[in-house]
Amino acid sequence: MRLVLPALLSVLCITDLAAAQTMQTNMLERRTARAIRNAGFWCDQVSDAYIDKALSSTGPTIVRVTCDDKTRFEQYKLTMTKDNKIAKIEVWK
């Protein structure tokens, strides 16, 4: 019985941490989609994003973003500045 309460508390803390990370990820995805739309491209929902390590090794960080809402699919290449702001958005073909 003495071990049950600490175990339950740790499960609750882990659940809260996971929920906070999910909220932060969702907010970042919404901001990215909004930046892409503001640049004149289509993006309702970001379904995938990752750093392209091959292109990023020689210069600024390049992030590949996929927007997919199950009816339309587009991919973009985002060039980031040193302070993680979007410098340029291009269609990724």
PDB file of N, CA and C in Angstrom:
ATOM      1  N   MET A   1       0.822  -1.200   0.000  1.00  0.00           N
ATOM      2  CA  MET A   1       0.000   0.000   0.000  1.00  0.00           C
ATOM      3  C   MET A   1       0.859   1.254   0.000  1.00  0.00           C
ATOM      4  N   ARG A   2       2.013   1.168   0.666  1.00  0.00           N
ATOM      5  CA  ARG A   2       2.876   2.333   0.747  1.00  0.00           C
ATOM      6  C   ARG A   2       3.444   2.713  -0.618  1.00  0.00           C
ATOM      7  N   LEU A   3       3.583   1.751  -1.517  1.00  0.00           N
ATOM      8  CA  LEU A   3       4.152   2.011  -2.834  1.00  0.00           C
ATOM      9  C   LEU A   3       3.103   2.416  -3.865  1.00  0.00           C
ATOM     10  N   VAL A   4       1.847   2.159  -3.587  1.00  0.00           N
ATOM     11  CA  VAL A   4       0.778   2.456  -4.541  1.00  0.00           C
ATOM     12  C   VAL A   4       0.609   3.953  -4.737  1.00  0.00           C
ATOM     13  N   LEU A   5       0.595   4.722  -3.679  1.00  0.00           N
ATOM     14  CA  LEU A   5       0.393   6.168  -3.778  1.00  0.00           C
ATOM     15  C   LEU A   5       1.516   6.851  -4.569  1.00  0.00           C
ATOM     16  N   PRO A   6       2.795   6.576  -4.290  1.00  0.00           N
ATOM     17  CA  PRO A   6       3.847   7.190  -5.114  1.00  0.00           C
ATOM     18  C   PRO A   6       3.765   6.772  -6.581  1.00  0.00           C
ATOM     19  N   ALA A   7       3.384   5.528  -6.830  1.00  0.00           N
ATOM     20  CA  ALA A   7       3.248   5.067  -8.213  1.00  0.00           C
ATOM     21  C   ALA A   7       2.131   5.818  -8.922  1.00  0.00           C
ATOM     22  N   LEU A   8       1.001   6.007  -8.260  1.00  0.00           N
ATOM     23  CA  LEU A   8      -0.113   6.760  -8.853  1.00  0.00           C
ATOM     24  C   LEU A   8       0.269   8.212  -9.094  1.00  0.00           C
ATOM     25  N   LEU A   9       0.978   8.818  -8.154  1.00  0.00           N
ATOM     26  CA  LEU A   9       1.411  10.208  -8.328  1.00  0.00           C
ATOM     27  C   LEU A   9       2.367  10.343  -9.505  1.00  0.00           C
ATOM     28  N   SER A  10       3.261   9.397  -9.664  1.00  0.00           N
ATOM     29  CA  SER A  10       4.194   9.475 -10.795  1.00  0.00           C
ATOM     30  C   SER A  10       3.464   9.297 -12.116  1.00  0.00           C
ATOM     31  N   VAL A  11       2.455   8.428 -12.162  1.00  0.00           N
ATOM     32  CA  VAL A  11       1.663   8.251 -13.391  1.00  0.00           C
ATOM     33  C   VAL A  11       0.927   9.546 -13.726  1.00  0.00           C
ATOM     34  N   LEU A  12       0.355  10.199 -12.717  1.00  0.00           N
ATOM     35  CA  LEU A  12      -0.346  11.462 -12.954  1.00  0.00           C
ATOM     36  C   LEU A  12       0.612  12.546 -13.440  1.00  0.00           C
ATOM     37  N   CYS A  13       1.814  12.600 -12.877  1.00  0.00           N
ATOM     38  CA  CYS A  13       2.805  13.601 -13.311  1.00  0.00           C
ATOM     39  C   CYS A  13       3.242  13.347 -14.740  1.00  0.00           C
ATOM     40  N   ILE A  14       3.455  12.094 -15.095  1.00  0.00           N
ATOM     41  CA  ILE A  14       3.859  11.756 -16.463  1.00  0.00           C
ATOM     42  C   ILE A  14       2.745  12.112 -17.444  1.00  0.00           C
ATOM     43  N   THR A  15       1.505  11.849 -17.058  1.00  0.00           N
ATOM     44  CA  THR A  15       0.361  12.188 -17.904  1.00  0.00           C
ATOM     45  C   THR A  15       0.280  13.697 -18.121  1.00  0.00           C
ATOM     46  N   ASP A  16       0.477  14.483 -17.060  1.00  0.00           N
ATOM     47  CA  ASP A  16       0.462  15.944 -17.191  1.00  0.00           C
ATOM     48  C   ASP A  16       1.588  16.428 -18.083  1.00  0.00           C
ATOM     49  N   LEU A  17       2.773  15.839 -17.959  1.00  0.00           N
ATOM     50  CA  LEU A  17       3.909  16.217 -18.793  1.00  0.00           C
ATOM     51  C   LEU A  17       3.632  15.901 -20.258  1.00  0.00           C
ATOM     52  N   ALA A  18       3.070  14.727 -20.523  1.00  0.00           N
ATOM     53  CA  ALA A  18       2.739  14.351 -21.904  1.00  0.00           C
ATOM     54  C   ALA A  18       1.699  15.295 -22.489  1.00  0.00           C
ATOM     55  N   ALA A  19       0.704  15.675 -21.687  1.00  0.00           N
ATOM     56  CA  ALA A  19      -0.324  16.601 -22.162  1.00  0.00           C
ATOM     57  C   ALA A  19       0.274  17.966 -22.463  1.00  0.00           C
ATOM     58  N   ALA A  20       1.198  18.431 -21.644  1.00  0.00           N
ATOM     59  CA  ALA A  20       1.849  19.724 -21.876  1.00  0.00           C
ATOM     60  C   ALA A  20       2.689  19.682 -23.142  1.00  0.00           C
ATOM     61  N   GLN A  21       3.403  18.586 -23.383  1.00  0.00           N
ATOM     62  CA  GLN A  21       4.198  18.469 -24.600  1.00  0.00           C
ATOM     63  C   GLN A  21       3.305  18.422 -25.828  1.00  0.00           C
ATOM     64  N   THR A  22       2.167  17.735 -25.733  1.00  0.00           N
ATOM     65  CA  THR A  22       1.227  17.679 -26.847  1.00  0.00           C
ATOM     66  C   THR A  22       0.664  19.058 -27.141  1.00  0.00           C
ATOM     67  N   MET A  23       0.330  19.815 -26.106  1.00  0.00           N
ATOM     68  CA  MET A  23      -0.184  21.174 -26.308  1.00  0.00           C
ATOM     69  C   MET A  23       0.863  22.051 -26.979  1.00  0.00           C
ATOM     70  N   GLN A  24       2.120  21.932 -26.558  1.00  0.00           N
ATOM     71  CA  GLN A  24       3.192  22.726 -27.138  1.00  0.00           C
ATOM     72  C   GLN A  24       3.411  22.345 -28.602  1.00  0.00           C
ATOM     73  N   THR A  25       3.362  21.056 -28.907  1.00  0.00           N
ATOM     74  CA  THR A  25       3.512  20.595 -30.283  1.00  0.00           C
ATOM     75  C   THR A  25       2.375  21.107 -31.144  1.00  0.00           C
ATOM     76  N   ASN A  26       1.144  21.023 -30.647  1.00  0.00           N
ATOM     77  CA  ASN A  26      -0.008  21.518 -31.403  1.00  0.00           C
ATOM     78  C   ASN A  26       0.108  23.006 -31.674  1.00  0.00           C
ATOM     79  N   MET A  27       0.559  23.767 -30.680  1.00  0.00           N
ATOM     80  CA  MET A  27       0.714  25.206 -30.865  1.00  0.00           C
ATOM     81  C   MET A  27       1.776  25.503 -31.928  1.00  0.00           C
ATOM     82  N   LEU A  28       2.881  24.774 -31.898  1.00  0.00           N
ATOM     83  CA  LEU A  28       3.939  24.966 -32.881  1.00  0.00           C
ATOM     84  C   LEU A  28       3.450  24.607 -34.289  1.00  0.00           C
ATOM     85  N   GLU A  29       2.676  23.535 -34.407  1.00  0.00           N
ATOM     86  CA  GLU A  29       2.124  23.149 -35.706  1.00  0.00           C
ATOM     87  C   GLU A  29       1.164  24.205 -36.226  1.00  0.00           C
ATOM     88  N   ARG A  30       0.321  24.755 -35.354  1.00  0.00           N
ATOM     89  CA  ARG A  30      -0.615  25.807 -35.788  1.00  0.00           C
ATOM     90  C   ARG A  30       0.125  27.063 -36.230  1.00  0.00           C
ATOM     91  N   ARG A  31       1.175  27.428 -35.500  1.00  0.00           N
ATOM     92  CA  ARG A  31       1.978  28.610 -35.880  1.00  0.00           C
ATOM     93  C   ARG A  31       2.643  28.398 -37.232  1.00  0.00           C
ATOM     94  N   THR A  32       3.168  27.200 -37.457  1.00  0.00           N
ATOM     95  CA  THR A  32       3.820  26.898 -38.727  1.00  0.00           C
ATOM     96  C   THR A  32       2.816  26.955 -39.868  1.00  0.00           C
ATOM     97  N   ALA A  33       1.649  26.354 -39.683  1.00  0.00           N
ATOM     98  CA  ALA A  33       0.606  26.385 -40.713  1.00  0.00           C
ATOM     99  C   ALA A  33       0.190  27.821 -41.009  1.00  0.00           C
ATOM    100  N   ARG A  34       0.060  28.635 -39.964  1.00  0.00           N
ATOM    101  CA  ARG A  34      -0.318  30.044 -40.157  1.00  0.00           C
ATOM    102  C   ARG A  34       0.753  30.800 -40.933  1.00  0.00           C
ATOM    103  N   ALA A  35       2.037  30.546 -40.629  1.00  0.00           N
ATOM    104  CA  ALA A  35       3.125  31.221 -41.349  1.00  0.00           C
ATOM    105  C   ALA A  35       3.124  30.827 -42.816  1.00  0.00           C
ATOM    106  N   ILE A  36       2.856  29.567 -43.108  1.00  0.00           N
ATOM    107  CA  ILE A  36       2.803  29.106 -44.500  1.00  0.00           C
ATOM    108  C   ILE A  36       1.640  29.757 -45.223  1.00  0.00           C
ATOM    109  N   ARG A  37       0.478  29.825 -44.579  1.00  0.00           N
ATOM    110  CA  ARG A  37      -0.680  30.487 -45.200  1.00  0.00           C
ATOM    111  C   ARG A  37      -0.419  31.971 -45.429  1.00  0.00           C
ATOM    112  N   ASN A  38       0.229  32.637 -44.455  1.00  0.00           N
ATOM    113  CA  ASN A  38       0.533  34.062 -44.600  1.00  0.00           C
ATOM    114  C   ASN A  38       1.502  34.333 -45.737  1.00  0.00           C
ATOM    115  N   ALA A  39       2.300  33.327 -46.105  1.00  0.00           N
ATOM    116  CA  ALA A  39       3.220  33.472 -47.232  1.00  0.00           C
ATOM    117  C   ALA A  39       2.520  33.219 -48.568  1.00  0.00           C
ATOM    118  N   GLY A  40       1.229  32.891 -48.533  1.00  0.00           N
ATOM    119  CA  GLY A  40       0.453  32.714 -49.752  1.00  0.00           C
ATOM    120  C   GLY A  40       0.322  31.272 -50.206  1.00  0.00           C
ATOM    121  N   PHE A  41       0.703  30.320 -49.377  1.00  0.00           N
ATOM    122  CA  PHE A  41       0.594  28.911 -49.720  1.00  0.00           C
ATOM    123  C   PHE A  41      -0.558  28.285 -48.953  1.00  0.00           C
ATOM    124  N   TRP A  42      -0.935  27.064 -49.352  1.00  0.00           N
ATOM    125  CA  TRP A  42      -2.003  26.339 -48.671  1.00  0.00           C
ATOM    126  C   TRP A  42      -1.425  25.482 -47.555  1.00  0.00           C
ATOM    127  N   CYS A  43      -2.030  25.541 -46.385  1.00  0.00           N
ATOM    128  CA  CYS A  43      -1.689  24.628 -45.290  1.00  0.00           C
ATOM    129  C   CYS A  43      -2.754  24.756 -44.212  1.00  0.00           C
ATOM    130  N   ASP A  44      -3.654  23.785 -44.160  1.00  0.00           N
ATOM    131  CA  ASP A  44      -4.668  23.781 -43.106  1.00  0.00           C
ATOM    132  C   ASP A  44      -4.172  23.072 -41.858  1.00  0.00           C
ATOM    133  N   GLN A  45      -3.388  22.007 -42.049  1.00  0.00           N
ATOM    134  CA  GLN A  45      -2.937  21.228 -40.903  1.00  0.00           C
ATOM    135  C   GLN A  45      -1.575  20.612 -41.204  1.00  0.00           C
ATOM    136  N   VAL A  46      -0.617  20.822 -40.317  1.00  0.00           N
ATOM    137  CA  VAL A  46       0.708  20.211 -40.455  1.00  0.00           C
ATOM    138  C   VAL A  46       0.615  18.767 -39.988  1.00  0.00           C
ATOM    139  N   SER A  47       0.974  17.831 -40.877  1.00  0.00           N
ATOM    140  CA  SER A  47       0.919  16.421 -40.493  1.00  0.00           C
ATOM    141  C   SER A  47       2.307  15.857 -40.200  1.00  0.00           C
ATOM    142  N   ASP A  48       3.367  16.523 -40.679  1.00  0.00           N
ATOM    143  CA  ASP A  48       4.723  16.052 -40.416  1.00  0.00           C
ATOM    144  C   ASP A  48       5.695  17.208 -40.606  1.00  0.00           C
ATOM    145  N   ALA A  49       6.732  17.228 -39.800  1.00  0.00           N
ATOM    146  CA  ALA A  49       7.790  18.233 -39.927  1.00  0.00           C
ATOM    147  C   ALA A  49       9.068  17.637 -39.364  1.00  0.00           C
ATOM    148  N   TYR A  50      10.160  17.829 -40.097  1.00  0.00           N
ATOM    149  CA  TYR A  50      11.449  17.337 -39.604  1.00  0.00           C
ATOM    150  C   TYR A  50      12.573  18.173 -40.196  1.00  0.00           C
ATOM    151  N   ILE A  51      13.702  18.181 -39.508  1.00  0.00           N
ATOM    152  CA  ILE A  51      14.882  18.907 -39.977  1.00  0.00           C
ATOM    153  C   ILE A  51      15.590  18.056 -41.020  1.00  0.00           C
ATOM    154  N   ASP A  52      15.852  18.631 -42.184  1.00  0.00           N
ATOM    155  CA  ASP A  52      16.599  17.946 -43.235  1.00  0.00           C
ATOM    156  C   ASP A  52      18.082  18.088 -42.909  1.00  0.00           C
ATOM    157  N   LYS A  53      18.661  17.058 -42.338  1.00  0.00           N
ATOM    158  CA  LYS A  53      20.045  17.131 -41.869  1.00  0.00           C
ATOM    159  C   LYS A  53      21.040  17.257 -43.015  1.00  0.00           C
ATOM    160  N   ALA A  54      20.744  16.684 -44.165  1.00  0.00           N
ATOM    161  CA  ALA A  54      21.655  16.771 -45.305  1.00  0.00           C
ATOM    162  C   ALA A  54      21.762  18.215 -45.801  1.00  0.00           C
ATOM    163  N   LEU A  55      20.641  18.887 -45.983  1.00  0.00           N
ATOM    164  CA  LEU A  55      20.660  20.275 -46.455  1.00  0.00           C
ATOM    165  C   LEU A  55      21.101  21.247 -45.360  1.00  0.00           C
ATOM    166  N   SER A  56      20.818  20.918 -44.108  1.00  0.00           N
ATOM    167  CA  SER A  56      21.152  21.806 -43.001  1.00  0.00           C
ATOM    168  C   SER A  56      22.628  21.765 -42.631  1.00  0.00           C
ATOM    169  N   SER A  57      23.342  20.747 -43.083  1.00  0.00           N
ATOM    170  CA  SER A  57      24.746  20.604 -42.684  1.00  0.00           C
ATOM    171  C   SER A  57      25.651  21.664 -43.300  1.00  0.00           C
ATOM    172  N   THR A  58      25.264  22.231 -44.416  1.00  0.00           N
ATOM    173  CA  THR A  58      26.120  23.203 -45.101  1.00  0.00           C
ATOM    174  C   THR A  58      25.714  24.649 -44.887  1.00  0.00           C
ATOM    175  N   GLY A  59      24.654  24.894 -44.145  1.00  0.00           N
ATOM    176  CA  GLY A  59      24.214  26.280 -43.966  1.00  0.00           C
ATOM    177  C   GLY A  59      23.112  26.378 -42.945  1.00  0.00           C
ATOM    178  N   PRO A  60      22.100  27.197 -43.244  1.00  0.00           N
ATOM    179  CA  PRO A  60      21.010  27.384 -42.282  1.00  0.00           C
ATOM    180  C   PRO A  60      20.177  26.104 -42.134  1.00  0.00           C
ATOM    181  N   THR A  61      19.414  26.043 -41.064  1.00  0.00           N
ATOM    182  CA  THR A  61      18.564  24.888 -40.806  1.00  0.00           C
ATOM    183  C   THR A  61      17.401  24.865 -41.792  1.00  0.00           C
ATOM    184  N   ILE A  62      17.196  23.708 -42.417  1.00  0.00           N
ATOM    185  CA  ILE A  62      16.105  23.503 -43.362  1.00  0.00           C
ATOM    186  C   ILE A  62      15.119  22.525 -42.728  1.00  0.00           C
ATOM    187  N   VAL A  63      13.852  22.937 -42.661  1.00  0.00           N
ATOM    188  CA  VAL A  63      12.806  22.083 -42.099  1.00  0.00           C
ATOM    189  C   VAL A  63      11.847  21.708 -43.220  1.00  0.00           C
ATOM    190  N   ARG A  64      11.596  20.411 -43.362  1.00  0.00           N
ATOM    191  CA  ARG A  64      10.632  19.908 -44.341  1.00  0.00           C
ATOM    192  C   ARG A  64       9.285  19.767 -43.633  1.00  0.00           C
ATOM    193  N   VAL A  65       8.260  20.391 -44.199  1.00  0.00           N
ATOM    194  CA  VAL A  65       6.928  20.392 -43.589  1.00  0.00           C
ATOM    195  C   VAL A  65       5.934  19.798 -44.578  1.00  0.00           C
ATOM    196  N   THR A  66       5.106  18.885 -44.075  1.00  0.00           N
ATOM    197  CA  THR A  66       4.035  18.292 -44.867  1.00  0.00           C
ATOM    198  C   THR A  66       2.704  18.760 -44.310  1.00  0.00           C
ATOM    199  N   CYS A  67       1.870  19.294 -45.181  1.00  0.00           N
ATOM    200  CA  CYS A  67       0.513  19.710 -44.806  1.00  0.00           C
ATOM    201  C   CYS A  67      -0.460  18.744 -45.476  1.00  0.00           C
ATOM    202  N   ASP A  68      -1.331  18.158 -44.670  1.00  0.00           N
ATOM    203  CA  ASP A  68      -2.242  17.143 -45.181  1.00  0.00           C
ATOM    204  C   ASP A  68      -3.516  17.177 -44.355  1.00  0.00           C
ATOM    205  N   ASP A  69      -4.649  17.389 -45.020  1.00  0.00           N
ATOM    206  CA  ASP A  69      -5.929  17.364 -44.306  1.00  0.00           C
ATOM    207  C   ASP A  69      -6.830  16.241 -44.810  1.00  0.00           C
ATOM    208  N   LYS A  70      -6.235  15.224 -45.398  1.00  0.00           N
ATOM    209  CA  LYS A  70      -6.905  14.031 -45.940  1.00  0.00           C
ATOM    210  C   LYS A  70      -7.631  14.299 -47.253  1.00  0.00           C
ATOM    211  N   THR A  71      -7.684  15.554 -47.704  1.00  0.00           N
ATOM    212  CA  THR A  71      -8.251  15.853 -49.019  1.00  0.00           C
ATOM    213  C   THR A  71      -7.226  16.530 -49.927  1.00  0.00           C
ATOM    214  N   ARG A  72      -6.218  17.135 -49.327  1.00  0.00           N
ATOM    215  CA  ARG A  72      -5.183  17.838 -50.078  1.00  0.00           C
ATOM    216  C   ARG A  72      -3.841  17.601 -49.393  1.00  0.00           C
ATOM    217  N   PHE A  73      -2.765  17.565 -50.212  1.00  0.00           N
ATOM    218  CA  PHE A  73      -1.435  17.236 -49.707  1.00  0.00           C
ATOM    219  C   PHE A  73      -0.421  18.181 -50.339  1.00  0.00           C
ATOM    220  N   GLU A  74       0.338  18.884 -49.516  1.00  0.00           N
ATOM    221  CA  GLU A  74       1.395  19.782 -49.998  1.00  0.00           C
ATOM    222  C   GLU A  74       2.610  19.639 -49.098  1.00  0.00           C
ATOM    223  N   GLN A  75       3.793  19.878 -49.665  1.00  0.00           N
ATOM    224  CA  GLN A  75       5.022  19.837 -48.883  1.00  0.00           C
ATOM    225  C   GLN A  75       5.816  21.108 -49.132  1.00  0.00           C
ATOM    226  N   TYR A  76       6.474  21.597 -48.062  1.00  0.00           N
ATOM    227  CA  TYR A  76       7.214  22.851 -48.116  1.00  0.00           C
ATOM    228  C   TYR A  76       8.592  22.692 -47.492  1.00  0.00           C
ATOM    229  N   LYS A  77       9.497  23.553 -47.932  1.00  0.00           N
ATOM    230  CA  LYS A  77      10.846  23.623 -47.365  1.00  0.00           C
ATOM    231  C   LYS A  77      10.967  24.981 -46.693  1.00  0.00           C
ATOM    232  N   LEU A  78      11.184  24.974 -45.376  1.00  0.00           N
ATOM    233  CA  LEU A  78      11.317  26.204 -44.602  1.00  0.00           C
ATOM    234  C   LEU A  78      12.774  26.423 -44.249  1.00  0.00           C
ATOM    235  N   THR A  79      13.298  27.588 -44.592  1.00  0.00           N
ATOM    236  CA  THR A  79      14.659  27.963 -44.218  1.00  0.00           C
ATOM    237  C   THR A  79      14.558  28.800 -42.952  1.00  0.00           C
ATOM    238  N   MET A  80      15.283  28.375 -41.925  1.00  0.00           N
ATOM    239  CA  MET A  80      15.195  29.012 -40.620  1.00  0.00           C
ATOM    240  C   MET A  80      16.396  29.930 -40.386  1.00  0.00           C
ATOM    241  N   THR A  81      16.193  30.986 -39.592  1.00  0.00           N
ATOM    242  CA  THR A  81      17.294  31.854 -39.176  1.00  0.00           C
ATOM    243  C   THR A  81      17.957  31.259 -37.942  1.00  0.00           C
ATOM    244  N   LYS A  82      19.018  31.901 -37.481  1.00  0.00           N
ATOM    245  CA  LYS A  82      19.733  31.398 -36.303  1.00  0.00           C
ATOM    246  C   LYS A  82      18.880  31.430 -35.040  1.00  0.00           C
ATOM    247  N   ASP A  83      17.915  32.355 -34.965  1.00  0.00           N
ATOM    248  CA  ASP A  83      17.043  32.420 -33.791  1.00  0.00           C
ATOM    249  C   ASP A  83      15.705  31.705 -34.011  1.00  0.00           C
ATOM    250  N   ASN A  84      15.714  30.717 -34.921  1.00  0.00           N
ATOM    251  CA  ASN A  84      14.568  29.839 -35.203  1.00  0.00           C
ATOM    252  C   ASN A  84      13.325  30.561 -35.704  1.00  0.00           C
ATOM    253  N   LYS A  85      13.534  31.576 -36.484  1.00  0.00           N
ATOM    254  CA  LYS A  85      12.435  32.248 -37.182  1.00  0.00           C
ATOM    255  C   LYS A  85      12.461  31.778 -38.639  1.00  0.00           C
ATOM    256  N   ILE A  86      11.308  31.798 -39.283  1.00  0.00           N
ATOM    257  CA  ILE A  86      11.233  31.366 -40.674  1.00  0.00           C
ATOM    258  C   ILE A  86      11.733  32.489 -41.565  1.00  0.00           C
ATOM    259  N   ALA A  87      12.789  32.199 -42.346  1.00  0.00           N
ATOM    260  CA  ALA A  87      13.355  33.195 -43.252  1.00  0.00           C
ATOM    261  C   ALA A  87      12.746  33.069 -44.657  1.00  0.00           C
ATOM    262  N   LYS A  88      12.479  31.819 -45.092  1.00  0.00           N
ATOM    263  CA  LYS A  88      11.973  31.616 -46.444  1.00  0.00           C
ATOM    264  C   LYS A  88      11.143  30.347 -46.474  1.00  0.00           C
ATOM    265  N   ILE A  89      10.059  30.372 -47.274  1.00  0.00           N
ATOM    266  CA  ILE A  89       9.197  29.217 -47.467  1.00  0.00           C
ATOM    267  C   ILE A  89       9.139  28.917 -48.951  1.00  0.00           C
ATOM    268  N   GLU A  90       9.436  27.662 -49.315  1.00  0.00           N
ATOM    269  CA  GLU A  90       9.396  27.248 -50.712  1.00  0.00           C
ATOM    270  C   GLU A  90       8.595  25.959 -50.816  1.00  0.00           C
ATOM    271  N   VAL A  91       7.974  25.760 -51.990  1.00  0.00           N
ATOM    272  CA  VAL A  91       7.274  24.504 -52.246  1.00  0.00           C
ATOM    273  C   VAL A  91       8.331  23.422 -52.428  1.00  0.00           C
ATOM    274  N   TRP A  92       8.148  22.301 -51.786  1.00  0.00           N
ATOM    275  CA  TRP A  92       9.078  21.178 -51.847  1.00  0.00           C
ATOM    276  C   TRP A  92       8.566  20.191 -52.889  1.00  0.00           C
ATOM    277  N   LYS A  93       9.324  20.038 -53.952  1.00  0.00           N
ATOM    278  CA  LYS A  93       8.892  19.119 -55.031  1.00  0.00           C
ATOM    279  C   LYS A  93       9.823  17.965 -55.121  1.00  0.00           C
TER     280      LYS A  93
END
